[in-house]
Amino acid sequence: MTPDDYRPASMQTKEGIRFRIPSLGGDVGGRVLVVDNQVDLEITREFYQSLGESSAAFFSWVFVEGNALVQINGDLPEAQARKYEAVLQSVGG
């Protein structure tokens, strides 16, 4: 990811990658972010969760395992989002 990909998110991550979900159309999908420590992880998680709390339009799925966070566009149905969560848990645990 480039610095523009992180905006307006904090730059707490040491590594990140964007991915697309074709069923959502266009340039829509999510991010996998890796941080150095739990403090940075909580800052990043809180950022994405607070966006969804401020407006339903900004809701996204947020899953955490170890020092990795997956953020997925909230338009993805929950059943599909939970599949991403299961994959994250299987590679992280």
PDB file of N, CA and C in Angstrom:
ATOM      1  N   MET A   1       0.841  -1.172   0.000  1.00  0.00           N
ATOM      2  CA  MET A   1       0.000   0.000   0.000  1.00  0.00           C
ATOM      3  C   MET A   1       0.886   1.235   0.000  1.00  0.00           C
ATOM      4  N   THR A   2       0.409   2.274  -0.660  1.00  0.00           N
ATOM      5  CA  THR A   2       1.106   3.553  -0.666  1.00  0.00           C
ATOM      6  C   THR A   2       0.535   4.434   0.447  1.00  0.00           C
ATOM      7  N   PRO A   3       1.191   5.524   0.803  1.00  0.00           N
ATOM      8  CA  PRO A   3       0.634   6.413   1.835  1.00  0.00           C
ATOM      9  C   PRO A   3      -0.795   6.868   1.540  1.00  0.00           C
ATOM     10  N   ASP A   4      -1.148   7.064   0.258  1.00  0.00           N
ATOM     11  CA  ASP A   4      -2.509   7.463  -0.091  1.00  0.00           C
ATOM     12  C   ASP A   4      -3.530   6.390   0.282  1.00  0.00           C
ATOM     13  N   ASP A   5      -3.127   5.121   0.254  1.00  0.00           N
ATOM     14  CA  ASP A   5      -4.031   4.024   0.584  1.00  0.00           C
ATOM     15  C   ASP A   5      -4.387   4.005   2.065  1.00  0.00           C
ATOM     16  N   TYR A   6      -3.563   4.598   2.901  1.00  0.00           N
ATOM     17  CA  TYR A   6      -3.816   4.604   4.336  1.00  0.00           C
ATOM     18  C   TYR A   6      -4.734   5.744   4.764  1.00  0.00           C
ATOM     19  N   ARG A   7      -4.851   6.762   3.957  1.00  0.00           N
ATOM     20  CA  ARG A   7      -5.647   7.918   4.342  1.00  0.00           C
ATOM     21  C   ARG A   7      -7.103   7.555   4.407  1.00  0.00           C
ATOM     22  N   PRO A   8      -7.863   8.027   5.326  1.00  0.00           N
ATOM     23  CA  PRO A   8      -7.457   8.851   6.453  1.00  0.00           C
ATOM     24  C   PRO A   8      -7.025   8.029   7.663  1.00  0.00           C
ATOM     25  N   ALA A   9      -6.787   6.735   7.486  1.00  0.00           N
ATOM     26  CA  ALA A   9      -6.376   5.875   8.604  1.00  0.00           C
ATOM     27  C   ALA A   9      -5.011   6.295   9.124  1.00  0.00           C
ATOM     28  N   SER A  10      -4.774   5.950  10.362  1.00  0.00           N
ATOM     29  CA  SER A  10      -3.473   6.261  10.954  1.00  0.00           C
ATOM     30  C   SER A  10      -2.394   5.425  10.284  1.00  0.00           C
ATOM     31  N   MET A  11      -1.188   5.883  10.383  1.00  0.00           N
ATOM     32  CA  MET A  11      -0.054   5.181   9.770  1.00  0.00           C
ATOM     33  C   MET A  11       0.615   4.264  10.799  1.00  0.00           C
ATOM     34  N   GLN A  12      -0.162   3.577  11.603  1.00  0.00           N
ATOM     35  CA  GLN A  12       0.375   2.699  12.638  1.00  0.00           C
ATOM     36  C   GLN A  12       0.928   1.399  12.054  1.00  0.00           C
ATOM     37  N   THR A  13       0.560   1.081  10.845  1.00  0.00           N
ATOM     38  CA  THR A  13       0.918  -0.211  10.286  1.00  0.00           C
ATOM     39  C   THR A  13       2.331  -0.227   9.734  1.00  0.00           C
ATOM     40  N   LYS A  14       2.962  -1.404   9.836  1.00  0.00           N
ATOM     41  CA  LYS A  14       4.291  -1.544   9.246  1.00  0.00           C
ATOM     42  C   LYS A  14       4.205  -2.143   7.851  1.00  0.00           C
ATOM     43  N   GLU A  15       3.074  -2.806   7.564  1.00  0.00           N
ATOM     44  CA  GLU A  15       2.895  -3.417   6.254  1.00  0.00           C
ATOM     45  C   GLU A  15       1.406  -3.502   5.966  1.00  0.00           C
ATOM     46  N   GLY A  16       1.036  -3.313   4.719  1.00  0.00           N
ATOM     47  CA  GLY A  16      -0.368  -3.407   4.364  1.00  0.00           C
ATOM     48  C   GLY A  16      -0.547  -3.776   2.906  1.00  0.00           C
ATOM     49  N   ILE A  17      -1.679  -4.391   2.632  1.00  0.00           N
ATOM     50  CA  ILE A  17      -2.027  -4.735   1.257  1.00  0.00           C
ATOM     51  C   ILE A  17      -3.525  -4.519   1.067  1.00  0.00           C
ATOM     52  N   ARG A  18      -3.886  -3.965  -0.077  1.00  0.00           N
ATOM     53  CA  ARG A  18      -5.291  -3.804  -0.432  1.00  0.00           C
ATOM     54  C   ARG A  18      -5.701  -4.974  -1.305  1.00  0.00           C
ATOM     55  N   PHE A  19      -6.972  -5.354  -1.206  1.00  0.00           N
ATOM     56  CA  PHE A  19      -7.497  -6.377  -2.102  1.00  0.00           C
ATOM     57  C   PHE A  19      -8.890  -5.971  -2.557  1.00  0.00           C
ATOM     58  N   ARG A  20      -9.267  -6.468  -3.715  1.00  0.00           N
ATOM     59  CA  ARG A  20     -10.588  -6.172  -4.274  1.00  0.00           C
ATOM     60  C   ARG A  20     -11.491  -7.387  -4.116  1.00  0.00           C
ATOM     61  N   ILE A  21     -12.771  -7.115  -3.985  1.00  0.00           N
ATOM     62  CA  ILE A  21     -13.784  -8.162  -3.964  1.00  0.00           C
ATOM     63  C   ILE A  21     -14.677  -7.889  -5.174  1.00  0.00           C
ATOM     64  N   PRO A  22     -14.480  -8.638  -6.262  1.00  0.00           N
ATOM     65  CA  PRO A  22     -15.187  -8.338  -7.517  1.00  0.00           C
ATOM     66  C   PRO A  22     -16.703  -8.262  -7.380  1.00  0.00           C
ATOM     67  N   SER A  23     -17.291  -9.045  -6.497  1.00  0.00           N
ATOM     68  CA  SER A  23     -18.751  -9.027  -6.368  1.00  0.00           C
ATOM     69  C   SER A  23     -19.270  -7.682  -5.840  1.00  0.00           C
ATOM     70  N   LEU A  24     -18.403  -6.887  -5.218  1.00  0.00           N
ATOM     71  CA  LEU A  24     -18.798  -5.570  -4.727  1.00  0.00           C
ATOM     72  C   LEU A  24     -18.661  -4.497  -5.800  1.00  0.00           C
ATOM     73  N   GLY A  25     -17.971  -4.831  -6.883  1.00  0.00           N
ATOM     74  CA  GLY A  25     -17.824  -3.912  -7.995  1.00  0.00           C
ATOM     75  C   GLY A  25     -16.708  -2.899  -7.801  1.00  0.00           C
ATOM     76  N   GLY A  26     -16.209  -2.412  -8.915  1.00  0.00           N
ATOM     77  CA  GLY A  26     -15.209  -1.348  -8.895  1.00  0.00           C
ATOM     78  C   GLY A  26     -13.968  -1.658  -8.076  1.00  0.00           C
ATOM     79  N   ASP A  27     -13.486  -0.640  -7.401  1.00  0.00           N
ATOM     80  CA  ASP A  27     -12.252  -0.725  -6.621  1.00  0.00           C
ATOM     81  C   ASP A  27     -12.591  -0.927  -5.138  1.00  0.00           C
ATOM     82  N   VAL A  28     -13.507  -1.841  -4.861  1.00  0.00           N
ATOM     83  CA  VAL A  28     -14.012  -2.047  -3.504  1.00  0.00           C
ATOM     84  C   VAL A  28     -13.516  -3.386  -2.982  1.00  0.00           C
ATOM     85  N   GLY A  29     -13.135  -3.413  -1.716  1.00  0.00           N
ATOM     86  CA  GLY A  29     -12.667  -4.654  -1.106  1.00  0.00           C
ATOM     87  C   GLY A  29     -12.269  -4.425   0.328  1.00  0.00           C
ATOM     88  N   GLY A  30     -10.976  -4.557   0.586  1.00  0.00           N
ATOM     89  CA  GLY A  30     -10.521  -4.400   1.947  1.00  0.00           C
ATOM     90  C   GLY A  30      -9.018  -4.243   2.036  1.00  0.00           C
ATOM     91  N   ARG A  31      -8.518  -4.395   3.268  1.00  0.00           N
ATOM     92  CA  ARG A  31      -7.093  -4.241   3.546  1.00  0.00           C
ATOM     93  C   ARG A  31      -6.670  -5.292   4.556  1.00  0.00           C
ATOM     94  N   VAL A  32      -5.444  -5.725   4.417  1.00  0.00           N
ATOM     95  CA  VAL A  32      -4.789  -6.528   5.444  1.00  0.00           C
ATOM     96  C   VAL A  32      -3.661  -5.655   5.972  1.00  0.00           C
ATOM     97  N   LEU A  33      -3.676  -5.398   7.262  1.00  0.00           N
ATOM     98  CA  LEU A  33      -2.685  -4.523   7.878  1.00  0.00           C
ATOM     99  C   LEU A  33      -1.943  -5.285   8.970  1.00  0.00           C
ATOM    100  N   VAL A  34      -0.638  -5.123   9.020  1.00  0.00           N
ATOM    101  CA  VAL A  34       0.195  -5.751  10.044  1.00  0.00           C
ATOM    102  C   VAL A  34       0.865  -4.643  10.842  1.00  0.00           C
ATOM    103  N   VAL A  35       0.824  -4.789  12.166  1.00  0.00           N
ATOM    104  CA  VAL A  35       1.404  -3.784  13.058  1.00  0.00           C
ATOM    105  C   VAL A  35       2.499  -4.416  13.906  1.00  0.00           C
ATOM    106  N   ASP A  36       3.275  -3.566  14.575  1.00  0.00           N
ATOM    107  CA  ASP A  36       4.378  -4.042  15.407  1.00  0.00           C
ATOM    108  C   ASP A  36       3.949  -4.502  16.796  1.00  0.00           C
ATOM    109  N   ASN A  37       2.833  -3.940  17.298  1.00  0.00           N
ATOM    110  CA  ASN A  37       2.479  -4.224  18.690  1.00  0.00           C
ATOM    111  C   ASN A  37       0.979  -4.061  18.902  1.00  0.00           C
ATOM    112  N   GLN A  38       0.522  -4.484  20.057  1.00  0.00           N
ATOM    113  CA  GLN A  38      -0.909  -4.450  20.371  1.00  0.00           C
ATOM    114  C   GLN A  38      -1.461  -3.032  20.520  1.00  0.00           C
ATOM    115  N   VAL A  39      -0.644  -2.112  20.962  1.00  0.00           N
ATOM    116  CA  VAL A  39      -1.095  -0.722  21.078  1.00  0.00           C
ATOM    117  C   VAL A  39      -1.459  -0.180  19.691  1.00  0.00           C
ATOM    118  N   ASP A  40      -0.569  -0.382  18.725  1.00  0.00           N
ATOM    119  CA  ASP A  40      -0.845   0.076  17.364  1.00  0.00           C
ATOM    120  C   ASP A  40      -2.046  -0.659  16.768  1.00  0.00           C
ATOM    121  N   LEU A  41      -2.190  -1.928  17.110  1.00  0.00           N
ATOM    122  CA  LEU A  41      -3.324  -2.700  16.635  1.00  0.00           C
ATOM    123  C   LEU A  41      -4.631  -2.107  17.156  1.00  0.00           C
ATOM    124  N   GLU A  42      -4.679  -1.785  18.426  1.00  0.00           N
ATOM    125  CA  GLU A  42      -5.893  -1.217  19.012  1.00  0.00           C
ATOM    126  C   GLU A  42      -6.212   0.159  18.439  1.00  0.00           C
ATOM    127  N   ILE A  43      -5.208   0.966  18.181  1.00  0.00           N
ATOM    128  CA  ILE A  43      -5.419   2.279  17.568  1.00  0.00           C
ATOM    129  C   ILE A  43      -6.039   2.113  16.185  1.00  0.00           C
ATOM    130  N   THR A  44      -5.513   1.178  15.418  1.00  0.00           N
ATOM    131  CA  THR A  44      -6.003   0.940  14.062  1.00  0.00           C
ATOM    132  C   THR A  44      -7.410   0.349  14.088  1.00  0.00           C
ATOM    133  N   ARG A  45      -7.644  -0.624  14.965  1.00  0.00           N
ATOM    134  CA  ARG A  45      -8.978  -1.226  15.087  1.00  0.00           C
ATOM    135  C   ARG A  45     -10.007  -0.155  15.480  1.00  0.00           C
ATOM    136  N   GLU A  46      -9.665   0.644  16.453  1.00  0.00           N
ATOM    137  CA  GLU A  46     -10.574   1.694  16.924  1.00  0.00           C
ATOM    138  C   GLU A  46     -10.903   2.688  15.815  1.00  0.00           C
ATOM    139  N   PHE A  47      -9.920   3.001  14.985  1.00  0.00           N
ATOM    140  CA  PHE A  47     -10.153   3.924  13.876  1.00  0.00           C
ATOM    141  C   PHE A  47     -11.261   3.400  12.972  1.00  0.00           C
ATOM    142  N   TYR A  48     -11.125   2.151  12.523  1.00  0.00           N
ATOM    143  CA  TYR A  48     -12.112   1.595  11.598  1.00  0.00           C
ATOM    144  C   TYR A  48     -13.463   1.376  12.275  1.00  0.00           C
ATOM    145  N   GLN A  49     -13.467   0.941  13.506  1.00  0.00           N
ATOM    146  CA  GLN A  49     -14.735   0.732  14.194  1.00  0.00           C
ATOM    147  C   GLN A  49     -15.461   2.051  14.469  1.00  0.00           C
ATOM    148  N   SER A  50     -14.722   3.088  14.809  1.00  0.00           N
ATOM    149  CA  SER A  50     -15.358   4.375  15.087  1.00  0.00           C
ATOM    150  C   SER A  50     -15.952   4.991  13.823  1.00  0.00           C
ATOM    151  N   LEU A  51     -15.359   4.722  12.665  1.00  0.00           N
ATOM    152  CA  LEU A  51     -15.951   5.211  11.420  1.00  0.00           C
ATOM    153  C   LEU A  51     -17.349   4.642  11.246  1.00  0.00           C
ATOM    154  N   GLY A  52     -17.490   3.335  11.471  1.00  0.00           N
ATOM    155  CA  GLY A  52     -18.790   2.689  11.329  1.00  0.00           C
ATOM    156  C   GLY A  52     -19.798   3.158  12.352  1.00  0.00           C
ATOM    157  N   GLU A  53     -19.319   3.532  13.525  1.00  0.00           N
ATOM    158  CA  GLU A  53     -20.217   4.039  14.562  1.00  0.00           C
ATOM    159  C   GLU A  53     -20.683   5.460  14.262  1.00  0.00           C
ATOM    160  N   SER A  54     -19.865   6.200  13.534  1.00  0.00           N
ATOM    161  CA  SER A  54     -20.232   7.579  13.214  1.00  0.00           C
ATOM    162  C   SER A  54     -21.263   7.648  12.099  1.00  0.00           C
ATOM    163  N   SER A  55     -21.252   6.667  11.198  1.00  0.00           N
ATOM    164  CA  SER A  55     -22.194   6.651  10.088  1.00  0.00           C
ATOM    165  C   SER A  55     -22.243   5.251   9.497  1.00  0.00           C
ATOM    166  N   ALA A  56     -23.445   4.769   9.236  1.00  0.00           N
ATOM    167  CA  ALA A  56     -23.599   3.450   8.621  1.00  0.00           C
ATOM    168  C   ALA A  56     -22.915   3.389   7.259  1.00  0.00           C
ATOM    169  N   ALA A  57     -22.796   4.513   6.602  1.00  0.00           N
ATOM    170  CA  ALA A  57     -22.145   4.551   5.293  1.00  0.00           C
ATOM    171  C   ALA A  57     -20.671   4.172   5.379  1.00  0.00           C
ATOM    172  N   PHE A  58     -20.066   4.309   6.567  1.00  0.00           N
ATOM    173  CA  PHE A  58     -18.645   4.014   6.735  1.00  0.00           C
ATOM    174  C   PHE A  58     -18.395   2.693   7.457  1.00  0.00           C
ATOM    175  N   PHE A  59     -19.466   1.913   7.674  1.00  0.00           N
ATOM    176  CA  PHE A  59     -19.299   0.628   8.366  1.00  0.00           C
ATOM    177  C   PHE A  59     -18.387  -0.292   7.575  1.00  0.00           C
ATOM    178  N   SER A  60     -17.517  -0.994   8.284  1.00  0.00           N
ATOM    179  CA  SER A  60     -16.711  -2.040   7.663  1.00  0.00           C
ATOM    180  C   SER A  60     -16.540  -3.184   8.659  1.00  0.00           C
ATOM    181  N   TRP A  61     -16.290  -4.340   8.112  1.00  0.00           N
ATOM    182  CA  TRP A  61     -15.981  -5.502   8.935  1.00  0.00           C
ATOM    183  C   TRP A  61     -14.531  -5.392   9.368  1.00  0.00           C
ATOM    184  N   VAL A  62     -14.254  -5.645  10.646  1.00  0.00           N
ATOM    185  CA  VAL A  62     -12.891  -5.563  11.168  1.00  0.00           C
ATOM    186  C   VAL A  62     -12.616  -6.832  11.959  1.00  0.00           C
ATOM    187  N   PHE A  63     -11.596  -7.562  11.528  1.00  0.00           N
ATOM    188  CA  PHE A  63     -11.210  -8.807  12.187  1.00  0.00           C
ATOM    189  C   PHE A  63      -9.737  -8.730  12.567  1.00  0.00           C
ATOM    190  N   VAL A  64      -9.405  -9.277  13.723  1.00  0.00           N
ATOM    191  CA  VAL A  64      -8.043  -9.206  14.243  1.00  0.00           C
ATOM    192  C   VAL A  64      -7.566 -10.594  14.626  1.00  0.00           C
ATOM    193  N   GLU A  65      -6.317 -10.854  14.338  1.00  0.00           N
ATOM    194  CA  GLU A  65      -5.649 -12.086  14.779  1.00  0.00           C
ATOM    195  C   GLU A  65      -4.170 -11.756  14.945  1.00  0.00           C
ATOM    196  N   GLY A  66      -3.658 -11.958  16.149  1.00  0.00           N
ATOM    197  CA  GLY A  66      -2.256 -11.623  16.410  1.00  0.00           C
ATOM    198  C   GLY A  66      -2.021 -10.150  16.157  1.00  0.00           C
ATOM    199  N   ASN A  67      -1.027  -9.838  15.340  1.00  0.00           N
ATOM    200  CA  ASN A  67      -0.722  -8.448  14.990  1.00  0.00           C
ATOM    201  C   ASN A  67      -1.261  -8.065  13.616  1.00  0.00           C
ATOM    202  N   ALA A  68      -2.256  -8.820  13.136  1.00  0.00           N
ATOM    203  CA  ALA A  68      -2.845  -8.544  11.823  1.00  0.00           C
ATOM    204  C   ALA A  68      -4.298  -8.110  11.977  1.00  0.00           C
ATOM    205  N   LEU A  69      -4.694  -7.184  11.136  1.00  0.00           N
ATOM    206  CA  LEU A  69      -6.062  -6.697  11.103  1.00  0.00           C
ATOM    207  C   LEU A  69      -6.546  -6.761   9.669  1.00  0.00           C
ATOM    208  N   VAL A  70      -7.752  -7.288   9.469  1.00  0.00           N
ATOM    209  CA  VAL A  70      -8.387  -7.289   8.155  1.00  0.00           C
ATOM    210  C   VAL A  70      -9.600  -6.377   8.233  1.00  0.00           C
ATOM    211  N   GLN A  71      -9.662  -5.418   7.332  1.00  0.00           N
ATOM    212  CA  GLN A  71     -10.773  -4.470   7.244  1.00  0.00           C
ATOM    213  C   GLN A  71     -11.421  -4.691   5.885  1.00  0.00           C
ATOM    214  N   ILE A  72     -12.748  -4.927   5.890  1.00  0.00           N
ATOM    215  CA  ILE A  72     -13.470  -5.235   4.661  1.00  0.00           C
ATOM    216  C   ILE A  72     -14.676  -4.304   4.538  1.00  0.00           C
ATOM    217  N   ASN A  73     -14.938  -3.856   3.331  1.00  0.00           N
ATOM    218  CA  ASN A  73     -16.075  -2.988   3.060  1.00  0.00           C
ATOM    219  C   ASN A  73     -17.346  -3.598   3.645  1.00  0.00           C
ATOM    220  N   GLY A  74     -18.123  -2.787   4.346  1.00  0.00           N
ATOM    221  CA  GLY A  74     -19.321  -3.244   5.027  1.00  0.00           C
ATOM    222  C   GLY A  74     -20.457  -3.669   4.121  1.00  0.00           C
ATOM    223  N   ASP A  75     -20.342  -3.420   2.825  1.00  0.00           N
ATOM    224  CA  ASP A  75     -21.375  -3.876   1.896  1.00  0.00           C
ATOM    225  C   ASP A  75     -21.320  -5.385   1.675  1.00  0.00           C
ATOM    226  N   LEU A  76     -20.219  -6.012   2.045  1.00  0.00           N
ATOM    227  CA  LEU A  76     -20.114  -7.462   1.904  1.00  0.00           C
ATOM    228  C   LEU A  76     -21.043  -8.115   2.927  1.00  0.00           C
ATOM    229  N   PRO A  77     -21.888  -9.049   2.497  1.00  0.00           N
ATOM    230  CA  PRO A  77     -22.774  -9.714   3.450  1.00  0.00           C
ATOM    231  C   PRO A  77     -21.990 -10.389   4.579  1.00  0.00           C
ATOM    232  N   GLU A  78     -22.585 -10.408   5.766  1.00  0.00           N
ATOM    233  CA  GLU A  78     -21.890 -10.933   6.939  1.00  0.00           C
ATOM    234  C   GLU A  78     -21.383 -12.358   6.737  1.00  0.00           C
ATOM    235  N   ALA A  79     -22.175 -13.227   6.133  1.00  0.00           N
ATOM    236  CA  ALA A  79     -21.748 -14.618   5.945  1.00  0.00           C
ATOM    237  C   ALA A  79     -20.452 -14.692   5.134  1.00  0.00           C
ATOM    238  N   GLN A  80     -20.332 -13.854   4.122  1.00  0.00           N
ATOM    239  CA  GLN A  80     -19.106 -13.841   3.326  1.00  0.00           C
ATOM    240  C   GLN A  80     -17.954 -13.222   4.115  1.00  0.00           C
ATOM    241  N   ALA A  81     -18.233 -12.159   4.859  1.00  0.00           N
ATOM    242  CA  ALA A  81     -17.187 -11.516   5.658  1.00  0.00           C
ATOM    243  C   ALA A  81     -16.632 -12.496   6.688  1.00  0.00           C
ATOM    244  N   ARG A  82     -17.484 -13.308   7.268  1.00  0.00           N
ATOM    245  CA  ARG A  82     -17.040 -14.275   8.277  1.00  0.00           C
ATOM    246  C   ARG A  82     -16.101 -15.323   7.685  1.00  0.00           C
ATOM    247  N   LYS A  83     -16.199 -15.553   6.385  1.00  0.00           N
ATOM    248  CA  LYS A  83     -15.258 -16.476   5.731  1.00  0.00           C
ATOM    249  C   LYS A  83     -13.851 -15.879   5.731  1.00  0.00           C
ATOM    250  N   TYR A  84     -13.753 -14.580   5.528  1.00  0.00           N
ATOM    251  CA  TYR A  84     -12.447 -13.916   5.622  1.00  0.00           C
ATOM    252  C   TYR A  84     -11.912 -14.002   7.043  1.00  0.00           C
ATOM    253  N   GLU A  85     -12.793 -13.843   8.015  1.00  0.00           N
ATOM    254  CA  GLU A  85     -12.397 -13.959   9.409  1.00  0.00           C
ATOM    255  C   GLU A  85     -11.854 -15.359   9.701  1.00  0.00           C
ATOM    256  N   ALA A  86     -12.519 -16.382   9.184  1.00  0.00           N
ATOM    257  CA  ALA A  86     -12.081 -17.760   9.418  1.00  0.00           C
ATOM    258  C   ALA A  86     -10.704 -18.011   8.809  1.00  0.00           C
ATOM    259  N   VAL A  87     -10.466 -17.470   7.644  1.00  0.00           N
ATOM    260  CA  VAL A  87      -9.152 -17.624   7.007  1.00  0.00           C
ATOM    261  C   VAL A  87      -8.090 -16.924   7.842  1.00  0.00           C
ATOM    262  N   LEU A  88      -8.370 -15.718   8.294  1.00  0.00           N
ATOM    263  CA  LEU A  88      -7.418 -14.976   9.130  1.00  0.00           C
ATOM    264  C   LEU A  88      -7.079 -15.775  10.381  1.00  0.00           C
ATOM    265  N   GLN A  89      -8.078 -16.335  11.017  1.00  0.00           N
ATOM    266  CA  GLN A  89      -7.844 -17.119  12.233  1.00  0.00           C
ATOM    267  C   GLN A  89      -7.048 -18.393  11.928  1.00  0.00           C
ATOM    268  N   SER A  90      -7.285 -18.991  10.776  1.00  0.00           N
ATOM    269  CA  SER A  90      -6.575 -20.235  10.457  1.00  0.00           C
ATOM    270  C   SER A  90      -5.098 -19.997  10.149  1.00  0.00           C
ATOM    271  N   VAL A  91      -4.764 -18.847   9.570  1.00  0.00           N
ATOM    272  CA  VAL A  91      -3.356 -18.567   9.278  1.00  0.00           C
ATOM    273  C   VAL A  91      -2.652 -17.924  10.460  1.00  0.00           C
ATOM    274  N   GLY A  92      -3.422 -17.296  11.334  1.00  0.00           N
ATOM    275  CA  GLY A  92      -2.829 -16.623  12.491  1.00  0.00           C
ATOM    276  C   GLY A  92      -2.678 -17.515  13.706  1.00  0.00           C
ATOM    277  N   GLY A  93      -3.491 -18.523  13.782  1.00  0.00           N
ATOM    278  CA  GLY A  93      -3.481 -19.369  14.969  1.00  0.00           C
ATOM    279  C   GLY A  93      -2.854 -20.645  14.692  1.00  0.00           C
TER     280      GLY A  93
END
